[in-house]
C-alpha atoms as a PDB file:
ATOM      1  CA  MET A   1      -1.479  -6.275 -21.949  1.00  0.00           C
ATOM      2  CA  ILE A   2      -4.446  -8.249 -23.213  1.00  0.00           C
ATOM      3  CA  LEU A   3      -4.641 -12.019 -22.900  1.00  0.00           C
ATOM      4  CA  SER A   4      -7.461 -14.170 -24.166  1.00  0.00           C
ATOM      5  CA  LEU A   5      -8.438 -17.568 -22.876  1.00  0.00           C
ATOM      6  CA  ARG A   6     -10.201 -20.467 -24.529  1.00  0.00           C
ATOM      7  CA  LEU A   7     -11.325 -23.296 -22.289  1.00  0.00           C
ATOM      8  CA  SER A   8     -12.496 -26.631 -23.615  1.00  0.00           C
ATOM      9  CA  GLY A   9     -14.713 -28.930 -21.603  1.00  0.00           C
ATOM     10  CA  THR A  10     -15.680 -26.161 -19.214  1.00  0.00           C
ATOM     11  CA  LYS A  11     -18.756 -27.747 -17.671  1.00  0.00           C
ATOM     12  CA  ASN A  12     -16.710 -29.178 -14.775  1.00  0.00           C
ATOM     13  CA  ILE A  13     -14.729 -25.981 -14.148  1.00  0.00           C
ATOM     14  CA  GLU A  14     -15.678 -23.770 -11.206  1.00  0.00           C
ATOM     15  CA  LYS A  15     -17.463 -20.628 -12.341  1.00  0.00           C
ATOM     16  CA  GLY A  16     -14.982 -17.785 -12.783  1.00  0.00           C
ATOM     17  CA  LEU A  17     -11.931 -20.036 -12.482  1.00  0.00           C
ATOM     18  CA  GLY A  18     -10.892 -19.298 -16.055  1.00  0.00           C
ATOM     19  CA  PHE A  19     -10.725 -15.596 -15.284  1.00  0.00           C
ATOM     20  CA  GLU A  20      -8.744 -16.270 -12.095  1.00  0.00           C
ATOM     21  CA  PHE A  21      -6.310 -18.342 -14.150  1.00  0.00           C
ATOM     22  CA  LEU A  22      -5.977 -15.535 -16.682  1.00  0.00           C
ATOM     23  CA  GLU A  23      -5.378 -12.988 -13.908  1.00  0.00           C
ATOM     24  CA  SER A  24      -2.709 -15.258 -12.383  1.00  0.00           C
ATOM     25  CA  VAL A  25      -0.956 -15.588 -15.742  1.00  0.00           C
ATOM     26  CA  GLU A  26      -1.078 -11.817 -16.274  1.00  0.00           C
ATOM     27  CA  SER A  27       0.275 -11.215 -12.771  1.00  0.00           C
ATOM     28  CA  SER A  28       3.147 -13.631 -13.405  1.00  0.00           C
ATOM     29  CA  ILE A  29       3.964 -11.985 -16.731  1.00  0.00           C
ATOM     30  CA  ASN A  30       3.975  -8.551 -15.087  1.00  0.00           C
ATOM     31  CA  SER A  31       6.337  -9.899 -12.433  1.00  0.00           C
ATOM     32  CA  ILE A  32       8.620 -11.308 -15.138  1.00  0.00           C
ATOM     33  CA  LEU A  33       8.617  -7.939 -16.919  1.00  0.00           C
ATOM     34  CA  SER A  34       9.431  -6.071 -13.694  1.00  0.00           C
ATOM     35  CA  PHE A  35      12.059  -8.490 -12.349  1.00  0.00           C
ATOM     36  CA  PRO A  36      13.147 -10.793 -15.192  1.00  0.00           C
ATOM     37  CA  GLU A  37      16.231 -12.160 -13.447  1.00  0.00           C
ATOM     38  CA  ILE A  38      14.515 -13.051 -10.160  1.00  0.00           C
ATOM     39  CA  TYR A  39      13.338 -16.436 -11.461  1.00  0.00           C
ATOM     40  CA  PRO A  40      15.839 -19.285 -11.615  1.00  0.00           C
ATOM     41  CA  LYS A  41      17.221 -20.789 -14.760  1.00  0.00           C
ATOM     42  CA  SER A  42      15.777 -24.239 -15.218  1.00  0.00           C
ATOM     43  CA  TYR A  43      17.713 -25.298 -18.310  1.00  0.00           C
ATOM     44  CA  SER A  44      20.297 -23.476 -20.403  1.00  0.00           C
ATOM     45  CA  ASN A  45      18.992 -19.881 -20.630  1.00  0.00           C
ATOM     46  CA  PHE A  46      15.359 -20.791 -19.948  1.00  0.00           C
ATOM     47  CA  ARG A  47      13.924 -19.309 -16.772  1.00  0.00           C
ATOM     48  CA  ARG A  48      10.851 -20.674 -15.022  1.00  0.00           C
ATOM     49  CA  CYS A  49       8.109 -18.714 -13.275  1.00  0.00           C
ATOM     50  CA  ILE A  50       5.605 -20.926 -11.447  1.00  0.00           C
ATOM     51  CA  ILE A  51       2.085 -19.503 -11.596  1.00  0.00           C
ATOM     52  CA  ARG A  52       0.433 -19.098  -8.208  1.00  0.00           C
ATOM     53  CA  ARG A  53      -2.551 -21.304  -7.390  1.00  0.00           C
ATOM     54  CA  PHE A  54      -2.418 -23.194 -10.694  1.00  0.00           C
ATOM     55  CA  PRO A  55      -0.181 -26.072 -11.804  1.00  0.00           C
ATOM     56  CA  PHE A  56       1.421 -24.119 -14.655  1.00  0.00           C
ATOM     57  CA  SER A  57       4.800 -22.531 -15.329  1.00  0.00           C
ATOM     58  CA  ILE A  58       5.935 -19.861 -17.755  1.00  0.00           C
ATOM     59  CA  PHE A  59       9.246 -20.583 -19.472  1.00  0.00           C
ATOM     60  CA  TYR A  60      11.025 -17.578 -20.923  1.00  0.00           C
ATOM     61  CA  THR A  61      14.417 -16.246 -21.960  1.00  0.00           C
ATOM     62  CA  ILE A  62      15.958 -12.829 -21.613  1.00  0.00           C
ATOM     63  CA  GLU A  63      17.131 -11.725 -25.044  1.00  0.00           C
ATOM     64  CA  ASP A  64      19.032  -8.557 -25.997  1.00  0.00           C
ATOM     65  CA  LYS A  65      16.331  -5.999 -25.231  1.00  0.00           C
ATOM     66  CA  GLU A  66      13.283  -8.186 -24.802  1.00  0.00           C
ATOM     67  CA  ILE A  67      11.812 -11.078 -22.890  1.00  0.00           C
ATOM     68  CA  VAL A  68      10.600 -14.000 -24.974  1.00  0.00           C
ATOM     69  CA  ILE A  69       7.959 -16.318 -23.537  1.00  0.00           C
ATOM     70  CA  HIS A  70       8.431 -19.757 -25.024  1.00  0.00           C
ATOM     71  CA  SER A  71       5.890 -21.837 -23.177  1.00  0.00           C
ATOM     72  CA  LEU A  72       2.987 -21.888 -20.760  1.00  0.00           C
ATOM     73  CA  PHE A  73       3.587 -25.381 -19.410  1.00  0.00           C
ATOM     74  CA  ASP A  74       1.110 -27.583 -17.542  1.00  0.00           C
ATOM     75  CA  ASN A  75       3.174 -28.979 -14.655  1.00  0.00           C
ATOM     76  CA  ARG A  76       1.015 -32.113 -14.571  1.00  0.00           C
ATOM     77  CA  GLN A  77       2.668 -33.251 -17.805  1.00  0.00           C
ATOM     78  CA  ASP A  78       5.757 -35.389 -18.109  1.00  0.00           C
ATOM     79  CA  PRO A  79       8.697 -33.162 -16.998  1.00  0.00           C
ATOM     80  CA  GLY A  80      10.616 -34.451 -20.025  1.00  0.00           C
ATOM     81  CA  LYS A  81       8.315 -32.347 -22.205  1.00  0.00           C
ATOM     82  CA  ARG A  82       9.476 -29.085 -20.635  1.00  0.00           C
ATOM     83  CA  PRO A  83      11.219 -26.634 -22.961  1.00  0.00           C
END
């Protein structure tokens, strides 16, 4: 799996933090792929995987034969904006 990352306003970000974030997202996605039902449903059929070390969550659904990621959500936002 290949993920790319674009950071804006990076001059205040710790060196290498973007890559750590990307690795954390990839690790969470691999966990979802290995154990899709381990994460709780947060609303309807949407499941939520909280990313370690960063204030983000991955919202996804389990479809017929695939997992669909709907959102990489910044948990610092208004919770009403969640999928």
